[in-house]
Amino acid sequence: MKRSVFYHAGCPVCVSAEQDIIELVGKDKLEVVHIGQDKSRIPEAENAGVKSVPAMVTPNGNVLHINYGASMEDVKA
């Protein structure tokens, strides 16, 4: 089974959303990527269509932007 990927940058908005998403989706169905700590994953997120974090990419490739925390440009800086 393919998992959703939740991208975030570690800000309070992102951490709160991460906990909510884990509770809704289940930890076993979700890969959490902290792009503030692993900047090598930024191109992957952008190629998937992520414009801001927190965001979740579903197994079907849909991008769900959640409660705007930071733009990808802010994360890259």
PDB file of N, CA and C in Angstrom:
ATOM      1  N   MET A   1       0.843  -1.174   0.000  1.00  0.00           N
ATOM      2  CA  MET A   1       0.000   0.000   0.000  1.00  0.00           C
ATOM      3  C   MET A   1       0.891   1.241   0.000  1.00  0.00           C
ATOM      4  N   LYS A   2       0.603   2.153  -0.892  1.00  0.00           N
ATOM      5  CA  LYS A   2       1.350   3.395  -0.967  1.00  0.00           C
ATOM      6  C   LYS A   2       0.856   4.345   0.126  1.00  0.00           C
ATOM      7  N   ARG A   3       1.801   5.053   0.745  1.00  0.00           N
ATOM      8  CA  ARG A   3       1.453   5.966   1.829  1.00  0.00           C
ATOM      9  C   ARG A   3       1.374   7.404   1.338  1.00  0.00           C
ATOM     10  N   SER A   4       0.646   8.228   2.089  1.00  0.00           N
ATOM     11  CA  SER A   4       0.656   9.665   1.878  1.00  0.00           C
ATOM     12  C   SER A   4       1.967  10.200   2.442  1.00  0.00           C
ATOM     13  N   VAL A   5       2.392  11.366   1.947  1.00  0.00           N
ATOM     14  CA  VAL A   5       3.605  12.002   2.451  1.00  0.00           C
ATOM     15  C   VAL A   5       3.220  13.371   2.994  1.00  0.00           C
ATOM     16  N   PHE A   6       3.565  13.605   4.249  1.00  0.00           N
ATOM     17  CA  PHE A   6       3.282  14.874   4.909  1.00  0.00           C
ATOM     18  C   PHE A   6       4.588  15.646   5.026  1.00  0.00           C
ATOM     19  N   TYR A   7       4.649  16.796   4.360  1.00  0.00           N
ATOM     20  CA  TYR A   7       5.835  17.653   4.385  1.00  0.00           C
ATOM     21  C   TYR A   7       5.607  18.794   5.350  1.00  0.00           C
ATOM     22  N   HIS A   8       6.617  19.082   6.172  1.00  0.00           N
ATOM     23  CA  HIS A   8       6.523  20.231   7.054  1.00  0.00           C
ATOM     24  C   HIS A   8       7.907  20.767   7.363  1.00  0.00           C
ATOM     25  N   ALA A   9       7.938  21.951   7.993  1.00  0.00           N
ATOM     26  CA  ALA A   9       9.221  22.615   8.262  1.00  0.00           C
ATOM     27  C   ALA A   9       9.507  22.775   9.750  1.00  0.00           C
ATOM     28  N   GLY A  10       8.672  22.198  10.585  1.00  0.00           N
ATOM     29  CA  GLY A  10       8.946  22.211  12.021  1.00  0.00           C
ATOM     30  C   GLY A  10       8.361  23.367  12.802  1.00  0.00           C
ATOM     31  N   CYS A  11       7.670  24.288  12.141  1.00  0.00           N
ATOM     32  CA  CYS A  11       7.071  25.417  12.866  1.00  0.00           C
ATOM     33  C   CYS A  11       5.889  24.910  13.703  1.00  0.00           C
ATOM     34  N   PRO A  12       5.408  25.705  14.654  1.00  0.00           N
ATOM     35  CA  PRO A  12       4.284  25.262  15.488  1.00  0.00           C
ATOM     36  C   PRO A  12       3.043  24.875  14.678  1.00  0.00           C
ATOM     37  N   VAL A  13       2.746  25.612  13.614  1.00  0.00           N
ATOM     38  CA  VAL A  13       1.597  25.272  12.762  1.00  0.00           C
ATOM     39  C   VAL A  13       1.794  23.884  12.161  1.00  0.00           C
ATOM     40  N   CYS A  14       3.022  23.624  11.678  1.00  0.00           N
ATOM     41  CA  CYS A  14       3.324  22.340  11.047  1.00  0.00           C
ATOM     42  C   CYS A  14       3.250  21.179  12.035  1.00  0.00           C
ATOM     43  N   VAL A  15       3.806  21.370  13.205  1.00  0.00           N
ATOM     44  CA  VAL A  15       3.821  20.309  14.215  1.00  0.00           C
ATOM     45  C   VAL A  15       2.399  19.972  14.660  1.00  0.00           C
ATOM     46  N   SER A  16       1.590  20.990  14.838  1.00  0.00           N
ATOM     47  CA  SER A  16       0.194  20.765  15.216  1.00  0.00           C
ATOM     48  C   SER A  16      -0.554  20.012  14.118  1.00  0.00           C
ATOM     49  N   ALA A  17      -0.351  20.431  12.868  1.00  0.00           N
ATOM     50  CA  ALA A  17      -1.005  19.760  11.743  1.00  0.00           C
ATOM     51  C   ALA A  17      -0.520  18.317  11.620  1.00  0.00           C
ATOM     52  N   GLU A  18       0.777  18.098  11.857  1.00  0.00           N
ATOM     53  CA  GLU A  18       1.323  16.736  11.800  1.00  0.00           C
ATOM     54  C   GLU A  18       0.587  15.825  12.775  1.00  0.00           C
ATOM     55  N   GLN A  19       0.395  16.271  13.989  1.00  0.00           N
ATOM     56  CA  GLN A  19      -0.289  15.448  14.986  1.00  0.00           C
ATOM     57  C   GLN A  19      -1.728  15.156  14.574  1.00  0.00           C
ATOM     58  N   ASP A  20      -2.410  16.168  14.034  1.00  0.00           N
ATOM     59  CA  ASP A  20      -3.790  15.973  13.584  1.00  0.00           C
ATOM     60  C   ASP A  20      -3.864  14.987  12.421  1.00  0.00           C
ATOM     61  N   ILE A  21      -2.947  15.123  11.471  1.00  0.00           N
ATOM     62  CA  ILE A  21      -2.946  14.235  10.299  1.00  0.00           C
ATOM     63  C   ILE A  21      -2.635  12.800  10.715  1.00  0.00           C
ATOM     64  N   ILE A  22      -1.683  12.624  11.603  1.00  0.00           N
ATOM     65  CA  ILE A  22      -1.369  11.276  12.100  1.00  0.00           C
ATOM     66  C   ILE A  22      -2.596  10.662  12.755  1.00  0.00           C
ATOM     67  N   GLU A  23      -3.298  11.458  13.538  1.00  0.00           N
ATOM     68  CA  GLU A  23      -4.501  10.959  14.209  1.00  0.00           C
ATOM     69  C   GLU A  23      -5.582  10.589  13.195  1.00  0.00           C
ATOM     70  N   LEU A  24      -5.728  11.378  12.129  1.00  0.00           N
ATOM     71  CA  LEU A  24      -6.763  11.125  11.126  1.00  0.00           C
ATOM     72  C   LEU A  24      -6.415   9.969  10.187  1.00  0.00           C
ATOM     73  N   VAL A  25      -5.182   9.943   9.709  1.00  0.00           N
ATOM     74  CA  VAL A  25      -4.777   8.996   8.676  1.00  0.00           C
ATOM     75  C   VAL A  25      -4.201   7.719   9.265  1.00  0.00           C
ATOM     76  N   GLY A  26      -3.472   7.859  10.357  1.00  0.00           N
ATOM     77  CA  GLY A  26      -2.770   6.725  10.957  1.00  0.00           C
ATOM     78  C   GLY A  26      -1.306   6.758  10.593  1.00  0.00           C
ATOM     79  N   LYS A  27      -0.465   6.550  11.569  1.00  0.00           N
ATOM     80  CA  LYS A  27       0.985   6.644  11.384  1.00  0.00           C
ATOM     81  C   LYS A  27       1.505   5.644  10.352  1.00  0.00           C
ATOM     82  N   ASP A  28       0.863   4.493  10.252  1.00  0.00           N
ATOM     83  CA  ASP A  28       1.310   3.466   9.317  1.00  0.00           C
ATOM     84  C   ASP A  28       0.995   3.810   7.860  1.00  0.00           C
ATOM     85  N   LYS A  29       0.139   4.786   7.629  1.00  0.00           N
ATOM     86  CA  LYS A  29      -0.251   5.181   6.275  1.00  0.00           C
ATOM     87  C   LYS A  29       0.350   6.531   5.876  1.00  0.00           C
ATOM     88  N   LEU A  30       1.328   7.006   6.664  1.00  0.00           N
ATOM     89  CA  LEU A  30       1.851   8.347   6.460  1.00  0.00           C
ATOM     90  C   LEU A  30       3.361   8.380   6.631  1.00  0.00           C
ATOM     91  N   GLU A  31       4.048   8.975   5.664  1.00  0.00           N
ATOM     92  CA  GLU A  31       5.468   9.266   5.805  1.00  0.00           C
ATOM     93  C   GLU A  31       5.582  10.747   6.141  1.00  0.00           C
ATOM     94  N   VAL A  32       6.242  11.067   7.232  1.00  0.00           N
ATOM     95  CA  VAL A  32       6.429  12.452   7.644  1.00  0.00           C
ATOM     96  C   VAL A  32       7.826  12.894   7.221  1.00  0.00           C
ATOM     97  N   VAL A  33       7.883  14.011   6.493  1.00  0.00           N
ATOM     98  CA  VAL A  33       9.149  14.557   6.016  1.00  0.00           C
ATOM     99  C   VAL A  33       9.312  15.962   6.569  1.00  0.00           C
ATOM    100  N   HIS A  34      10.306  16.142   7.418  1.00  0.00           N
ATOM    101  CA  HIS A  34      10.628  17.458   8.006  1.00  0.00           C
ATOM    102  C   HIS A  34      11.663  18.089   7.082  1.00  0.00           C
ATOM    103  N   ILE A  35      11.196  18.912   6.128  1.00  0.00           N
ATOM    104  CA  ILE A  35      12.122  19.477   5.147  1.00  0.00           C
ATOM    105  C   ILE A  35      12.973  20.600   5.728  1.00  0.00           C
ATOM    106  N   GLY A  36      12.657  21.023   6.939  1.00  0.00           N
ATOM    107  CA  GLY A  36      13.546  21.953   7.618  1.00  0.00           C
ATOM    108  C   GLY A  36      14.832  21.260   8.044  1.00  0.00           C
ATOM    109  N   GLN A  37      14.743  19.969   8.314  1.00  0.00           N
ATOM    110  CA  GLN A  37      15.903  19.181   8.722  1.00  0.00           C
ATOM    111  C   GLN A  37      16.532  18.424   7.554  1.00  0.00           C
ATOM    112  N   ASP A  38      15.738  18.097   6.544  1.00  0.00           N
ATOM    113  CA  ASP A  38      16.238  17.347   5.395  1.00  0.00           C
ATOM    114  C   ASP A  38      15.922  18.112   4.118  1.00  0.00           C
ATOM    115  N   LYS A  39      16.696  19.144   3.854  1.00  0.00           N
ATOM    116  CA  LYS A  39      16.462  20.013   2.701  1.00  0.00           C
ATOM    117  C   LYS A  39      16.637  19.290   1.368  1.00  0.00           C
ATOM    118  N   SER A  40      17.260  18.119   1.379  1.00  0.00           N
ATOM    119  CA  SER A  40      17.417  17.351   0.139  1.00  0.00           C
ATOM    120  C   SER A  40      16.067  16.876  -0.407  1.00  0.00           C
ATOM    121  N   ARG A  41      15.028  16.913   0.420  1.00  0.00           N
ATOM    122  CA  ARG A  41      13.694  16.462  -0.001  1.00  0.00           C
ATOM    123  C   ARG A  41      12.845  17.603  -0.573  1.00  0.00           C
ATOM    124  N   ILE A  42      13.374  18.841  -0.565  1.00  0.00           N
ATOM    125  CA  ILE A  42      12.624  19.988  -1.092  1.00  0.00           C
ATOM    126  C   ILE A  42      12.278  19.812  -2.571  1.00  0.00           C
ATOM    127  N   PRO A  43      13.238  19.433  -3.434  1.00  0.00           N
ATOM    128  CA  PRO A  43      12.869  19.247  -4.842  1.00  0.00           C
ATOM    129  C   PRO A  43      11.768  18.201  -5.044  1.00  0.00           C
ATOM    130  N   GLU A  44      11.803  17.149  -4.262  1.00  0.00           N
ATOM    131  CA  GLU A  44      10.759  16.111  -4.320  1.00  0.00           C
ATOM    132  C   GLU A  44       9.394  16.716  -4.011  1.00  0.00           C
ATOM    133  N   ALA A  45       9.339  17.514  -2.942  1.00  0.00           N
ATOM    134  CA  ALA A  45       8.081  18.154  -2.547  1.00  0.00           C
ATOM    135  C   ALA A  45       7.599  19.101  -3.643  1.00  0.00           C
ATOM    136  N   GLU A  46       8.507  19.918  -4.168  1.00  0.00           N
ATOM    137  CA  GLU A  46       8.123  20.865  -5.220  1.00  0.00           C
ATOM    138  C   GLU A  46       7.662  20.137  -6.481  1.00  0.00           C
ATOM    139  N   ASN A  47       8.332  19.058  -6.854  1.00  0.00           N
ATOM    140  CA  ASN A  47       7.926  18.284  -8.030  1.00  0.00           C
ATOM    141  C   ASN A  47       6.552  17.651  -7.840  1.00  0.00           C
ATOM    142  N   ALA A  48       6.197  17.371  -6.603  1.00  0.00           N
ATOM    143  CA  ALA A  48       4.876  16.804  -6.305  1.00  0.00           C
ATOM    144  C   ALA A  48       3.791  17.875  -6.328  1.00  0.00           C
ATOM    145  N   GLY A  49       4.204  19.171  -6.337  1.00  0.00           N
ATOM    146  CA  GLY A  49       3.230  20.265  -6.383  1.00  0.00           C
ATOM    147  C   GLY A  49       3.065  21.018  -5.076  1.00  0.00           C
ATOM    148  N   VAL A  50       3.909  20.730  -4.093  1.00  0.00           N
ATOM    149  CA  VAL A  50       3.818  21.412  -2.809  1.00  0.00           C
ATOM    150  C   VAL A  50       4.286  22.862  -2.986  1.00  0.00           C
ATOM    151  N   LYS A  51       3.438  23.808  -2.613  1.00  0.00           N
ATOM    152  CA  LYS A  51       3.738  25.242  -2.714  1.00  0.00           C
ATOM    153  C   LYS A  51       4.032  25.864  -1.357  1.00  0.00           C
ATOM    154  N   SER A  52       3.510  25.244  -0.315  1.00  0.00           N
ATOM    155  CA  SER A  52       3.720  25.728   1.052  1.00  0.00           C
ATOM    156  C   SER A  52       3.583  24.539   1.994  1.00  0.00           C
ATOM    157  N   VAL A  53       4.114  24.710   3.178  1.00  0.00           N
ATOM    158  CA  VAL A  53       3.998  23.662   4.195  1.00  0.00           C
ATOM    159  C   VAL A  53       3.247  24.218   5.396  1.00  0.00           C
ATOM    160  N   PRO A  54       2.547  23.378   6.095  1.00  0.00           N
ATOM    161  CA  PRO A  54       2.418  21.938   5.930  1.00  0.00           C
ATOM    162  C   PRO A  54       1.549  21.571   4.728  1.00  0.00           C
ATOM    163  N   ALA A  55       1.882  20.436   4.141  1.00  0.00           N
ATOM    164  CA  ALA A  55       1.112  19.909   3.020  1.00  0.00           C
ATOM    165  C   ALA A  55       1.235  18.392   3.006  1.00  0.00           C
ATOM    166  N   MET A  56       0.197  17.761   2.499  1.00  0.00           N
ATOM    167  CA  MET A  56       0.204  16.308   2.384  1.00  0.00           C
ATOM    168  C   MET A  56      -0.032  15.940   0.928  1.00  0.00           C
ATOM    169  N   VAL A  57       0.765  15.013   0.426  1.00  0.00           N
ATOM    170  CA  VAL A  57       0.578  14.479  -0.918  1.00  0.00           C
ATOM    171  C   VAL A  57      -0.029  13.093  -0.756  1.00  0.00           C
ATOM    172  N   THR A  58      -1.197  12.910  -1.350  1.00  0.00           N
ATOM    173  CA  THR A  58      -1.906  11.638  -1.231  1.00  0.00           C
ATOM    174  C   THR A  58      -1.296  10.601  -2.166  1.00  0.00           C
ATOM    175  N   PRO A  59      -1.616   9.328  -1.960  1.00  0.00           N
ATOM    176  CA  PRO A  59      -1.103   8.284  -2.857  1.00  0.00           C
ATOM    177  C   PRO A  59      -1.486   8.508  -4.319  1.00  0.00           C
ATOM    178  N   ASN A  60      -2.576   9.207  -4.569  1.00  0.00           N
ATOM    179  CA  ASN A  60      -3.003   9.502  -5.934  1.00  0.00           C
ATOM    180  C   ASN A  60      -2.299  10.721  -6.514  1.00  0.00           C
ATOM    181  N   GLY A  61      -1.460  11.388  -5.714  1.00  0.00           N
ATOM    182  CA  GLY A  61      -0.732  12.558  -6.185  1.00  0.00           C
ATOM    183  C   GLY A  61      -1.406  13.888  -5.938  1.00  0.00           C
ATOM    184  N   ASN A  62      -2.523  13.876  -5.233  1.00  0.00           N
ATOM    185  CA  ASN A  62      -3.182  15.129  -4.889  1.00  0.00           C
ATOM    186  C   ASN A  62      -2.421  15.822  -3.763  1.00  0.00           C
ATOM    187  N   VAL A  63      -2.273  17.138  -3.874  1.00  0.00           N
ATOM    188  CA  VAL A  63      -1.581  17.909  -2.840  1.00  0.00           C
ATOM    189  C   VAL A  63      -2.620  18.647  -2.006  1.00  0.00           C
ATOM    190  N   LEU A  64      -2.588  18.402  -0.711  1.00  0.00           N
ATOM    191  CA  LEU A  64      -3.492  19.066   0.224  1.00  0.00           C
ATOM    192  C   LEU A  64      -2.672  20.044   1.053  1.00  0.00           C
ATOM    193  N   HIS A  65      -2.811  21.337   0.753  1.00  0.00           N
ATOM    194  CA  HIS A  65      -2.117  22.365   1.526  1.00  0.00           C
ATOM    195  C   HIS A  65      -2.943  22.626   2.780  1.00  0.00           C
ATOM    196  N   ILE A  66      -2.276  22.587   3.924  1.00  0.00           N
ATOM    197  CA  ILE A  66      -2.965  22.630   5.211  1.00  0.00           C
ATOM    198  C   ILE A  66      -2.521  23.848   5.997  1.00  0.00           C
ATOM    199  N   ASN A  67      -3.456  24.716   6.329  1.00  0.00           N
ATOM    200  CA  ASN A  67      -3.196  25.808   7.272  1.00  0.00           C
ATOM    201  C   ASN A  67      -1.820  26.443   7.049  1.00  0.00           C
ATOM    202  N   TYR A  68      -1.721  27.283   6.069  1.00  0.00           N
ATOM    203  CA  TYR A  68      -0.467  27.907   5.620  1.00  0.00           C
ATOM    204  C   TYR A  68       0.505  28.204   6.760  1.00  0.00           C
ATOM    205  N   GLY A  69       1.689  27.639   6.668  1.00  0.00           N
ATOM    206  CA  GLY A  69       2.741  27.857   7.654  1.00  0.00           C
ATOM    207  C   GLY A  69       3.914  28.610   7.072  1.00  0.00           C
ATOM    208  N   ALA A  70       4.432  28.143   5.911  1.00  0.00           N
ATOM    209  CA  ALA A  70       5.560  28.785   5.256  1.00  0.00           C
ATOM    210  C   ALA A  70       5.577  28.396   3.780  1.00  0.00           C
ATOM    211  N   SER A  71       5.976  29.335   2.934  1.00  0.00           N
ATOM    212  CA  SER A  71       6.116  29.029   1.519  1.00  0.00           C
ATOM    213  C   SER A  71       7.370  28.181   1.306  1.00  0.00           C
ATOM    214  N   MET A  72       7.447  27.525   0.176  1.00  0.00           N
ATOM    215  CA  MET A  72       8.641  26.745  -0.130  1.00  0.00           C
ATOM    216  C   MET A  72       9.853  27.668  -0.271  1.00  0.00           C
ATOM    217  N   GLU A  73       9.645  28.886  -0.755  1.00  0.00           N
ATOM    218  CA  GLU A  73      10.747  29.844  -0.856  1.00  0.00           C
ATOM    219  C   GLU A  73      11.301  30.179   0.527  1.00  0.00           C
ATOM    220  N   ASP A  74      10.413  30.307   1.520  1.00  0.00           N
ATOM    221  CA  ASP A  74      10.861  30.560   2.901  1.00  0.00           C
ATOM    222  C   ASP A  74      11.659  29.379   3.433  1.00  0.00           C
ATOM    223  N   VAL A  75      11.213  28.187   3.112  1.00  0.00           N
ATOM    224  CA  VAL A  75      11.879  26.977   3.593  1.00  0.00           C
ATOM    225  C   VAL A  75      13.271  26.847   2.985  1.00  0.00           C
ATOM    226  N   LYS A  76      13.390  27.219   1.715  1.00  0.00           N
ATOM    227  CA  LYS A  76      14.677  27.110   1.024  1.00  0.00           C
ATOM    228  C   LYS A  76      15.701  28.118   1.530  1.00  0.00           C
ATOM    229  N   ALA A  77      15.238  29.207   2.077  1.00  0.00           N
ATOM    230  CA  ALA A  77      16.155  30.275   2.525  1.00  0.00           C
ATOM    231  C   ALA A  77      17.006  29.867   3.708  1.00  0.00           C
TER     232      ALA A  77
END
